[in-house]
Amino acid sequence: MMLLKDAYKKAAEIISVRSEDALFDSMCLTEKVFGIDRTGYYLRSDEEISDEKYEELIGLAQRRASGEPLQYILGKWEFMGRSFFVGEGVLIPRPETEMIVESALDFLKDKKAPVIIDLCSGSGCIGISVAAERKDSKVYLIEKSEAAFSYLEKNIRLNGVPNAVAVRGDIFIDACKFNNVYPDLILSNPPYIESEIIPKLQNEVLREPLMALDGGKDGLDFYRAIADYWIPLLKKGGAVIAECGENQAESICGIFEESERVRSTSFRLDYCGNERMVTANTES
């Protein structure tokens, strides 16, 4: 006889070879397999489970132990209190990126019916979150990858944001398609890891799409594209808010400041004290 709590412990034991958060991972997988939440687990922990459900849970635990990201196994992940489909081919939403959404909403609070462009949208977690909070806005979410674009479209439907529009495009060549859009705000979490560093990343990170990670030789290629092609589209008093990596903020500010449209730049640290976000404001 296998009890639910024993299956949970066995799954955690299997996962522990890979993850420092084996108990958390095992709980997430247990919730998925048995269709319960945390409270449901504790209420049913002494119940006997079927062999089929046990094998299903152990199979997921083995996938996790092999290095597959927990988020991909679950198929959904939470960001800003909303669920987003994720899987092979799309970058996993991360809590530090929520700072971009929070700053965007603060910037937009005095603007009526704002227009927003979200570059390198991936799952759409940034642009969709803004669209959900500002239902009077129009948000264009631009993504090049076919795999990621599929998730983007599904997440727009999942979150019920008709004011969000998915656009298949390359930020290096497709700005011309938006010459008549005039955004108030441009958002982006672009690839920003230096190419030579990528092979040294954790195995789990390497399961995520290279296209969403590789920012070129110095990690700054996409910021140059934003400065050259997208900042010129901004309305007066508009802004760019972009995520960045550690020790990149000053360089990115310098890139943005090369645009004659930019009046000022600044950057913020995340809650761990790492450089995380760069803002560039245009003249009023």
C-alpha atoms as a PDB file:
ATOM      1  CA  MET A   1       0.000   0.000   0.000  1.00  0.00           C
ATOM      2  CA  MET A   2       1.380   3.412  -1.004  1.00  0.00           C
ATOM      3  CA  LEU A   3       0.186   6.483   0.847  1.00  0.00           C
ATOM      4  CA  LEU A   4       0.183   9.928  -0.720  1.00  0.00           C
ATOM      5  CA  LYS A   5       2.724  11.234   1.796  1.00  0.00           C
ATOM      6  CA  ASP A   6       5.070   8.333   1.040  1.00  0.00           C
ATOM      7  CA  ALA A   7       4.851   8.973  -2.695  1.00  0.00           C
ATOM      8  CA  TYR A   8       5.616  12.656  -2.086  1.00  0.00           C
ATOM      9  CA  LYS A   9       8.687  11.741  -0.002  1.00  0.00           C
ATOM     10  CA  LYS A  10       9.913   9.268  -2.621  1.00  0.00           C
ATOM     11  CA  ALA A  11       9.585  11.876  -5.363  1.00  0.00           C
ATOM     12  CA  ALA A  12      11.534  14.373  -3.229  1.00  0.00           C
ATOM     13  CA  GLU A  13      14.262  11.784  -2.677  1.00  0.00           C
ATOM     14  CA  ILE A  14      14.616  11.269  -6.432  1.00  0.00           C
ATOM     15  CA  ILE A  15      14.669  15.013  -7.133  1.00  0.00           C
ATOM     16  CA  SER A  16      17.225  15.752  -4.401  1.00  0.00           C
ATOM     17  CA  VAL A  17      20.101  14.621  -6.633  1.00  0.00           C
ATOM     18  CA  ARG A  18      19.416  17.672  -8.813  1.00  0.00           C
ATOM     19  CA  SER A  19      17.549  20.317  -6.841  1.00  0.00           C
ATOM     20  CA  GLU A  20      18.197  22.048  -3.533  1.00  0.00           C
ATOM     21  CA  ASP A  21      14.457  22.652  -3.368  1.00  0.00           C
ATOM     22  CA  ALA A  22      13.475  19.009  -3.725  1.00  0.00           C
ATOM     23  CA  LEU A  23      10.629  19.237  -1.209  1.00  0.00           C
ATOM     24  CA  PHE A  24       9.123  22.234  -2.982  1.00  0.00           C
ATOM     25  CA  ASP A  25       9.547  20.629  -6.399  1.00  0.00           C
ATOM     26  CA  SER A  26       8.012  17.383  -5.184  1.00  0.00           C
ATOM     27  CA  MET A  27       5.043  19.234  -3.715  1.00  0.00           C
ATOM     28  CA  CYS A  28       4.451  21.068  -7.003  1.00  0.00           C
ATOM     29  CA  LEU A  29       4.538  17.790  -8.924  1.00  0.00           C
ATOM     30  CA  THR A  30       2.292  16.074  -6.388  1.00  0.00           C
ATOM     31  CA  GLU A  31      -0.237  18.881  -6.713  1.00  0.00           C
ATOM     32  CA  LYS A  32      -0.143  18.506 -10.496  1.00  0.00           C
ATOM     33  CA  VAL A  33      -0.595  14.731 -10.553  1.00  0.00           C
ATOM     34  CA  PHE A  34      -3.368  14.596  -7.942  1.00  0.00           C
ATOM     35  CA  GLY A  35      -5.129  17.840  -8.839  1.00  0.00           C
ATOM     36  CA  ILE A  36      -4.867  19.272  -5.344  1.00  0.00           C
ATOM     37  CA  ASP A  37      -3.414  22.336  -3.640  1.00  0.00           C
ATOM     38  CA  ARG A  38      -1.188  22.447  -0.573  1.00  0.00           C
ATOM     39  CA  THR A  39      -4.136  22.249   1.820  1.00  0.00           C
ATOM     40  CA  GLY A  40      -5.538  19.325  -0.138  1.00  0.00           C
ATOM     41  CA  TYR A  41      -2.270  17.479   0.227  1.00  0.00           C
ATOM     42  CA  TYR A  42      -2.251  17.781   3.995  1.00  0.00           C
ATOM     43  CA  LEU A  43      -5.873  16.713   4.201  1.00  0.00           C
ATOM     44  CA  ARG A  44      -5.245  13.647   2.031  1.00  0.00           C
ATOM     45  CA  SER A  45      -1.642  12.783   2.941  1.00  0.00           C
ATOM     46  CA  ASP A  46      -2.630   9.534   4.686  1.00  0.00           C
ATOM     47  CA  GLU A  47      -4.820   8.335   1.801  1.00  0.00           C
ATOM     48  CA  GLU A  48      -3.841   5.341  -0.300  1.00  0.00           C
ATOM     49  CA  ILE A  49      -3.066   6.127  -3.946  1.00  0.00           C
ATOM     50  CA  SER A  50      -3.253   4.029  -7.104  1.00  0.00           C
ATOM     51  CA  ASP A  51      -0.216   2.474  -8.733  1.00  0.00           C
ATOM     52  CA  GLU A  52      -0.932   4.518 -11.859  1.00  0.00           C
ATOM     53  CA  LYS A  53      -0.792   7.822 -10.005  1.00  0.00           C
ATOM     54  CA  TYR A  54       2.347   6.765  -8.173  1.00  0.00           C
ATOM     55  CA  GLU A  55       4.092   5.870 -11.418  1.00  0.00           C
ATOM     56  CA  GLU A  56       3.001   9.154 -12.963  1.00  0.00           C
ATOM     57  CA  LEU A  57       4.476  11.126 -10.055  1.00  0.00           C
ATOM     58  CA  ILE A  58       7.729   9.167 -10.087  1.00  0.00           C
ATOM     59  CA  GLY A  59       8.016   9.708 -13.842  1.00  0.00           C
ATOM     60  CA  LEU A  60       7.762  13.476 -13.377  1.00  0.00           C
ATOM     61  CA  ALA A  61      10.272  13.342 -10.524  1.00  0.00           C
ATOM     62  CA  GLN A  62      12.727  11.508 -12.763  1.00  0.00           C
ATOM     63  CA  ARG A  63      12.315  14.169 -15.433  1.00  0.00           C
ATOM     64  CA  ARG A  64      13.103  16.806 -12.811  1.00  0.00           C
ATOM     65  CA  ALA A  65      16.128  14.826 -11.625  1.00  0.00           C
ATOM     66  CA  SER A  66      17.402  14.726 -15.212  1.00  0.00           C
ATOM     67  CA  GLY A  67      17.602  18.523 -15.213  1.00  0.00           C
ATOM     68  CA  GLU A  68      14.351  19.451 -16.925  1.00  0.00           C
ATOM     69  CA  PRO A  69      13.108  22.727 -15.428  1.00  0.00           C
ATOM     70  CA  LEU A  70      10.250  22.344 -12.987  1.00  0.00           C
ATOM     71  CA  GLN A  71       8.282  25.002 -14.855  1.00  0.00           C
ATOM     72  CA  TYR A  72       8.423  23.042 -18.114  1.00  0.00           C
ATOM     73  CA  ILE A  73       7.190  19.887 -16.392  1.00  0.00           C
ATOM     74  CA  LEU A  74       4.299  21.732 -14.774  1.00  0.00           C
ATOM     75  CA  GLY A  75       3.435  23.449 -18.059  1.00  0.00           C
ATOM     76  CA  LYS A  76       2.419  26.682 -16.326  1.00  0.00           C
ATOM     77  CA  TRP A  77       4.126  29.193 -14.093  1.00  0.00           C
ATOM     78  CA  GLU A  78       2.925  32.185 -12.116  1.00  0.00           C
ATOM     79  CA  PHE A  79       3.995  35.769 -12.776  1.00  0.00           C
ATOM     80  CA  MET A  80       2.423  38.849 -11.159  1.00  0.00           C
ATOM     81  CA  GLY A  81      -0.325  36.633  -9.774  1.00  0.00           C
ATOM     82  CA  ARG A  82      -1.312  35.269 -13.199  1.00  0.00           C
ATOM     83  CA  SER A  83      -0.658  31.928 -14.863  1.00  0.00           C
ATOM     84  CA  PHE A  84       1.363  31.569 -18.047  1.00  0.00           C
ATOM     85  CA  PHE A  85       1.892  28.531 -20.234  1.00  0.00           C
ATOM     86  CA  VAL A  86       5.577  27.618 -20.514  1.00  0.00           C
ATOM     87  CA  GLY A  87       7.532  24.776 -22.067  1.00  0.00           C
ATOM     88  CA  GLU A  88      10.396  23.925 -24.381  1.00  0.00           C
ATOM     89  CA  GLY A  89      11.278  26.904 -26.542  1.00  0.00           C
ATOM     90  CA  VAL A  90      10.192  29.750 -24.264  1.00  0.00           C
ATOM     91  CA  LEU A  91      12.006  31.619 -21.496  1.00  0.00           C
ATOM     92  CA  ILE A  92      10.673  30.925 -18.008  1.00  0.00           C
ATOM     93  CA  PRO A  93       9.164  33.999 -16.281  1.00  0.00           C
ATOM     94  CA  ARG A  94      11.230  35.021 -13.275  1.00  0.00           C
ATOM     95  CA  PRO A  95      10.167  37.003 -10.199  1.00  0.00           C
ATOM     96  CA  GLU A  96      12.833  39.681 -10.672  1.00  0.00           C
ATOM     97  CA  THR A  97      11.230  40.603 -13.994  1.00  0.00           C
ATOM     98  CA  GLU A  98       8.111  41.712 -12.125  1.00  0.00           C
ATOM     99  CA  MET A  99      10.010  44.931 -11.401  1.00  0.00           C
ATOM    100  CA  ILE A 100       9.615  45.847 -15.082  1.00  0.00           C
ATOM    101  CA  VAL A 101       5.823  45.532 -14.878  1.00  0.00           C
ATOM    102  CA  GLU A 102       5.634  47.449 -11.607  1.00  0.00           C
ATOM    103  CA  SER A 103       7.708  50.297 -13.039  1.00  0.00           C
ATOM    104  CA  ALA A 104       5.676  50.299 -16.249  1.00  0.00           C
ATOM    105  CA  LEU A 105       2.386  50.630 -14.371  1.00  0.00           C
ATOM    106  CA  ASP A 106       3.802  53.446 -12.285  1.00  0.00           C
ATOM    107  CA  PHE A 107       4.979  55.273 -15.416  1.00  0.00           C
ATOM    108  CA  LEU A 108       1.575  54.843 -17.079  1.00  0.00           C
ATOM    109  CA  LYS A 109      -0.600  55.889 -14.148  1.00  0.00           C
ATOM    110  CA  ASP A 110      -1.225  59.424 -15.507  1.00  0.00           C
ATOM    111  CA  LYS A 111      -1.509  58.422 -19.171  1.00  0.00           C
ATOM    112  CA  LYS A 112      -4.879  57.749 -20.793  1.00  0.00           C
ATOM    113  CA  ALA A 113      -5.272  54.935 -23.330  1.00  0.00           C
ATOM    114  CA  PRO A 114      -1.526  54.342 -23.548  1.00  0.00           C
ATOM    115  CA  VAL A 115       0.170  52.443 -26.355  1.00  0.00           C
ATOM    116  CA  ILE A 116       2.876  49.978 -25.323  1.00  0.00           C
ATOM    117  CA  ILE A 117       5.309  47.833 -27.292  1.00  0.00           C
ATOM    118  CA  ASP A 118       6.820  44.776 -25.595  1.00  0.00           C
ATOM    119  CA  LEU A 119       9.956  43.655 -27.451  1.00  0.00           C
ATOM    120  CA  CYS A 120      11.257  40.061 -27.262  1.00  0.00           C
ATOM    121  CA  SER A 121       8.012  39.102 -25.552  1.00  0.00           C
ATOM    122  CA  GLY A 122       8.607  35.366 -25.105  1.00  0.00           C
ATOM    123  CA  SER A 123       5.757  34.006 -22.988  1.00  0.00           C
ATOM    124  CA  GLY A 124       4.244  37.484 -22.961  1.00  0.00           C
ATOM    125  CA  CYS A 125       4.399  37.751 -19.175  1.00  0.00           C
ATOM    126  CA  ILE A 126       5.452  41.424 -19.218  1.00  0.00           C
ATOM    127  CA  GLY A 127       3.136  42.811 -21.865  1.00  0.00           C
ATOM    128  CA  ILE A 128       0.161  40.675 -20.878  1.00  0.00           C
ATOM    129  CA  SER A 129       0.499  41.708 -17.228  1.00  0.00           C
ATOM    130  CA  VAL A 130       0.470  45.378 -18.227  1.00  0.00           C
ATOM    131  CA  ALA A 131      -2.462  44.831 -20.594  1.00  0.00           C
ATOM    132  CA  ALA A 132      -4.423  43.092 -17.830  1.00  0.00           C
ATOM    133  CA  GLU A 133      -3.864  45.926 -15.363  1.00  0.00           C
ATOM    134  CA  ARG A 134      -4.455  48.684 -17.915  1.00  0.00           C
ATOM    135  CA  LYS A 135      -7.476  47.566 -19.883  1.00  0.00           C
ATOM    136  CA  ASP A 136      -7.591  50.944 -21.648  1.00  0.00           C
ATOM    137  CA  SER A 137      -4.159  50.307 -23.165  1.00  0.00           C
ATOM    138  CA  LYS A 138      -3.084  48.792 -26.466  1.00  0.00           C
ATOM    139  CA  VAL A 139      -0.120  46.459 -26.098  1.00  0.00           C
ATOM    140  CA  TYR A 140       1.841  45.058 -29.039  1.00  0.00           C
ATOM    141  CA  LEU A 141       3.911  42.007 -28.113  1.00  0.00           C
ATOM    142  CA  ILE A 142       6.696  41.250 -30.577  1.00  0.00           C
ATOM    143  CA  GLU A 143       8.428  37.862 -30.709  1.00  0.00           C
ATOM    144  CA  LYS A 144      10.640  36.274 -33.363  1.00  0.00           C
ATOM    145  CA  SER A 145      10.755  32.628 -32.250  1.00  0.00           C
ATOM    146  CA  GLU A 146       8.054  30.377 -33.676  1.00  0.00           C
ATOM    147  CA  ALA A 147       8.015  28.209 -30.547  1.00  0.00           C
ATOM    148  CA  ALA A 148       7.790  31.159 -28.160  1.00  0.00           C
ATOM    149  CA  PHE A 149       5.173  32.867 -30.342  1.00  0.00           C
ATOM    150  CA  SER A 150       2.888  29.863 -29.907  1.00  0.00           C
ATOM    151  CA  TYR A 151       3.057  30.273 -26.122  1.00  0.00           C
ATOM    152  CA  LEU A 152       2.544  34.017 -26.460  1.00  0.00           C
ATOM    153  CA  GLU A 153      -0.715  33.552 -28.362  1.00  0.00           C
ATOM    154  CA  LYS A 154      -1.945  30.933 -25.882  1.00  0.00           C
ATOM    155  CA  ASN A 155      -1.139  33.182 -22.925  1.00  0.00           C
ATOM    156  CA  ILE A 156      -3.050  36.095 -24.394  1.00  0.00           C
ATOM    157  CA  ARG A 157      -6.105  33.844 -24.617  1.00  0.00           C
ATOM    158  CA  LEU A 158      -5.486  32.317 -21.182  1.00  0.00           C
ATOM    159  CA  ASN A 159      -5.354  35.708 -19.496  1.00  0.00           C
ATOM    160  CA  GLY A 160      -8.242  37.228 -21.434  1.00  0.00           C
ATOM    161  CA  VAL A 161      -6.547  40.394 -22.671  1.00  0.00           C
ATOM    162  CA  PRO A 162      -8.144  41.477 -25.968  1.00  0.00           C
ATOM    163  CA  ASN A 163      -6.117  44.701 -25.825  1.00  0.00           C
ATOM    164  CA  ALA A 164      -2.904  42.661 -26.306  1.00  0.00           C
ATOM    165  CA  VAL A 165      -1.802  41.902 -29.871  1.00  0.00           C
ATOM    166  CA  ALA A 166       0.832  39.263 -30.699  1.00  0.00           C
ATOM    167  CA  VAL A 167       3.119  40.240 -33.583  1.00  0.00           C
ATOM    168  CA  ARG A 168       5.643  37.883 -35.140  1.00  0.00           C
ATOM    169  CA  GLY A 169       8.701  39.999 -35.771  1.00  0.00           C
ATOM    170  CA  ASP A 170      12.435  40.612 -35.447  1.00  0.00           C
ATOM    171  CA  ILE A 171      13.377  43.720 -33.480  1.00  0.00           C
ATOM    172  CA  PHE A 172      16.457  44.235 -35.683  1.00  0.00           C
ATOM    173  CA  ILE A 173      14.500  44.654 -38.905  1.00  0.00           C
ATOM    174  CA  ASP A 174      10.796  45.130 -38.211  1.00  0.00           C
ATOM    175  CA  ALA A 175      10.556  48.519 -36.473  1.00  0.00           C
ATOM    176  CA  CYS A 176       9.417  49.936 -39.812  1.00  0.00           C
ATOM    177  CA  LYS A 177       6.138  48.035 -39.383  1.00  0.00           C
ATOM    178  CA  PHE A 178       5.343  50.329 -36.441  1.00  0.00           C
ATOM    179  CA  ASN A 179       6.098  53.705 -37.988  1.00  0.00           C
ATOM    180  CA  ASN A 180       2.514  54.836 -37.330  1.00  0.00           C
ATOM    181  CA  VAL A 181       2.076  53.370 -33.859  1.00  0.00           C
ATOM    182  CA  TYR A 182       3.742  56.048 -31.637  1.00  0.00           C
ATOM    183  CA  PRO A 183       4.095  54.186 -28.335  1.00  0.00           C
ATOM    184  CA  ASP A 184       4.078  55.839 -24.936  1.00  0.00           C
ATOM    185  CA  LEU A 185       6.243  53.079 -23.546  1.00  0.00           C
ATOM    186  CA  ILE A 186       8.576  50.377 -24.826  1.00  0.00           C
ATOM    187  CA  LEU A 187       9.248  47.381 -22.577  1.00  0.00           C
ATOM    188  CA  SER A 188      11.769  44.603 -23.044  1.00  0.00           C
ATOM    189  CA  ASN A 189      13.485  41.726 -21.349  1.00  0.00           C
ATOM    190  CA  PRO A 190      15.898  41.038 -24.207  1.00  0.00           C
ATOM    191  CA  PRO A 191      18.652  38.436 -24.420  1.00  0.00           C
ATOM    192  CA  TYR A 192      21.595  39.953 -22.529  1.00  0.00           C
ATOM    193  CA  ILE A 193      24.038  37.176 -21.692  1.00  0.00           C
ATOM    194  CA  GLU A 194      27.458  37.401 -23.330  1.00  0.00           C
ATOM    195  CA  SER A 195      27.896  34.684 -25.937  1.00  0.00           C
ATOM    196  CA  GLU A 196      31.071  33.256 -24.418  1.00  0.00           C
ATOM    197  CA  ILE A 197      29.450  32.910 -20.982  1.00  0.00           C
ATOM    198  CA  ILE A 198      26.517  30.821 -22.155  1.00  0.00           C
ATOM    199  CA  PRO A 199      28.327  27.429 -22.142  1.00  0.00           C
ATOM    200  CA  LYS A 200      29.170  28.059 -18.465  1.00  0.00           C
ATOM    201  CA  LEU A 201      25.558  28.521 -17.378  1.00  0.00           C
ATOM    202  CA  GLN A 202      23.724  26.035 -15.183  1.00  0.00           C
ATOM    203  CA  ASN A 203      22.404  23.007 -17.041  1.00  0.00           C
ATOM    204  CA  GLU A 204      18.814  23.968 -16.309  1.00  0.00           C
ATOM    205  CA  VAL A 205      19.260  27.414 -17.836  1.00  0.00           C
ATOM    206  CA  LEU A 206      20.759  25.789 -20.902  1.00  0.00           C
ATOM    207  CA  ARG A 207      17.466  23.916 -21.371  1.00  0.00           C
ATOM    208  CA  GLU A 208      15.902  27.297 -22.144  1.00  0.00           C
ATOM    209  CA  PRO A 209      16.104  28.656 -25.719  1.00  0.00           C
ATOM    210  CA  LEU A 210      19.484  30.018 -26.756  1.00  0.00           C
ATOM    211  CA  MET A 211      17.684  32.728 -28.745  1.00  0.00           C
ATOM    212  CA  ALA A 212      16.293  34.114 -25.489  1.00  0.00           C
ATOM    213  CA  LEU A 213      19.678  34.152 -23.749  1.00  0.00           C
ATOM    214  CA  ASP A 214      22.397  35.184 -26.223  1.00  0.00           C
ATOM    215  CA  GLY A 215      22.887  38.942 -26.338  1.00  0.00           C
ATOM    216  CA  GLY A 216      25.970  38.863 -28.550  1.00  0.00           C
ATOM    217  CA  LYS A 217      29.658  39.248 -27.797  1.00  0.00           C
ATOM    218  CA  ASP A 218      29.180  41.843 -25.044  1.00  0.00           C
ATOM    219  CA  GLY A 219      25.553  41.017 -24.286  1.00  0.00           C
ATOM    220  CA  LEU A 220      24.333  44.400 -25.520  1.00  0.00           C
ATOM    221  CA  ASP A 221      23.288  43.794 -29.143  1.00  0.00           C
ATOM    222  CA  PHE A 222      19.570  44.064 -28.439  1.00  0.00           C
ATOM    223  CA  TYR A 223      19.916  47.330 -26.517  1.00  0.00           C
ATOM    224  CA  ARG A 224      21.656  48.842 -29.526  1.00  0.00           C
ATOM    225  CA  ALA A 225      18.743  47.748 -31.690  1.00  0.00           C
ATOM    226  CA  ILE A 226      16.283  49.321 -29.248  1.00  0.00           C
ATOM    227  CA  ALA A 227      18.243  52.581 -29.308  1.00  0.00           C
ATOM    228  CA  ASP A 228      18.651  52.657 -33.092  1.00  0.00           C
ATOM    229  CA  TYR A 229      15.245  51.457 -34.279  1.00  0.00           C
ATOM    230  CA  TRP A 230      12.655  51.705 -31.516  1.00  0.00           C
ATOM    231  CA  ILE A 231      13.392  54.747 -29.361  1.00  0.00           C
ATOM    232  CA  PRO A 232      12.781  57.020 -32.395  1.00  0.00           C
ATOM    233  CA  LEU A 233       9.164  55.748 -32.440  1.00  0.00           C
ATOM    234  CA  LEU A 234       8.370  56.963 -28.918  1.00  0.00           C
ATOM    235  CA  LYS A 235       5.994  59.827 -28.245  1.00  0.00           C
ATOM    236  CA  LYS A 236       7.295  62.903 -26.453  1.00  0.00           C
ATOM    237  CA  GLY A 237       7.458  62.120 -22.767  1.00  0.00           C
ATOM    238  CA  GLY A 238       7.735  58.425 -23.542  1.00  0.00           C
ATOM    239  CA  ALA A 239      10.127  55.895 -22.093  1.00  0.00           C
ATOM    240  CA  VAL A 240      11.946  52.616 -22.495  1.00  0.00           C
ATOM    241  CA  ILE A 241      12.090  50.234 -19.541  1.00  0.00           C
ATOM    242  CA  ALA A 242      14.365  47.235 -20.083  1.00  0.00           C
ATOM    243  CA  GLU A 243      15.713  44.433 -17.946  1.00  0.00           C
ATOM    244  CA  CYS A 244      19.479  44.061 -17.801  1.00  0.00           C
ATOM    245  CA  GLY A 245      22.175  41.863 -16.326  1.00  0.00           C
ATOM    246  CA  GLU A 246      24.709  42.517 -13.614  1.00  0.00           C
ATOM    247  CA  ASN A 247      27.303  45.204 -14.462  1.00  0.00           C
ATOM    248  CA  GLN A 248      25.507  46.181 -17.674  1.00  0.00           C
ATOM    249  CA  ALA A 249      23.385  49.127 -16.556  1.00  0.00           C
ATOM    250  CA  GLU A 250      25.883  51.941 -17.107  1.00  0.00           C
ATOM    251  CA  SER A 251      26.811  50.647 -20.559  1.00  0.00           C
ATOM    252  CA  ILE A 252      23.141  50.384 -21.544  1.00  0.00           C
ATOM    253  CA  CYS A 253      22.455  53.889 -20.253  1.00  0.00           C
ATOM    254  CA  GLY A 254      25.315  55.069 -22.464  1.00  0.00           C
ATOM    255  CA  ILE A 255      23.844  53.279 -25.493  1.00  0.00           C
ATOM    256  CA  PHE A 256      20.419  54.829 -24.916  1.00  0.00           C
ATOM    257  CA  GLU A 257      21.911  58.272 -24.342  1.00  0.00           C
ATOM    258  CA  GLU A 258      23.388  58.184 -27.839  1.00  0.00           C
ATOM    259  CA  SER A 259      19.846  58.620 -29.153  1.00  0.00           C
ATOM    260  CA  GLU A 260      19.007  62.281 -29.700  1.00  0.00           C
ATOM    261  CA  ARG A 261      15.480  61.549 -28.428  1.00  0.00           C
ATOM    262  CA  VAL A 262      16.650  60.546 -24.940  1.00  0.00           C
ATOM    263  CA  ARG A 263      16.574  63.209 -22.255  1.00  0.00           C
ATOM    264  CA  SER A 264      17.674  61.106 -19.266  1.00  0.00           C
ATOM    265  CA  THR A 265      18.520  57.588 -18.166  1.00  0.00           C
ATOM    266  CA  SER A 266      18.576  55.759 -14.852  1.00  0.00           C
ATOM    267  CA  PHE A 267      18.851  52.242 -13.497  1.00  0.00           C
ATOM    268  CA  ARG A 268      17.540  50.295 -10.523  1.00  0.00           C
ATOM    269  CA  LEU A 269      18.775  47.392  -8.454  1.00  0.00           C
ATOM    270  CA  ASP A 270      16.617  44.380  -7.658  1.00  0.00           C
ATOM    271  CA  TYR A 271      15.879  43.139  -4.150  1.00  0.00           C
ATOM    272  CA  CYS A 272      19.141  41.188  -4.135  1.00  0.00           C
ATOM    273  CA  GLY A 273      21.164  44.315  -4.900  1.00  0.00           C
ATOM    274  CA  ASN A 274      21.889  43.388  -8.524  1.00  0.00           C
ATOM    275  CA  GLU A 275      21.514  45.751 -11.468  1.00  0.00           C
ATOM    276  CA  ARG A 276      18.187  44.774 -12.997  1.00  0.00           C
ATOM    277  CA  MET A 277      16.435  47.562 -14.896  1.00  0.00           C
ATOM    278  CA  VAL A 278      17.355  50.510 -17.107  1.00  0.00           C
ATOM    279  CA  THR A 279      14.981  53.358 -17.962  1.00  0.00           C
ATOM    280  CA  ALA A 280      15.401  55.953 -20.708  1.00  0.00           C
ATOM    281  CA  ASN A 281      13.021  58.916 -20.933  1.00  0.00           C
ATOM    282  CA  THR A 282      12.442  61.013 -24.033  1.00  0.00           C
ATOM    283  CA  GLU A 283      12.079  64.778 -24.093  1.00  0.00           C
ATOM    284  CA  SER A 284       8.676  66.187 -23.136  1.00  0.00           C
END
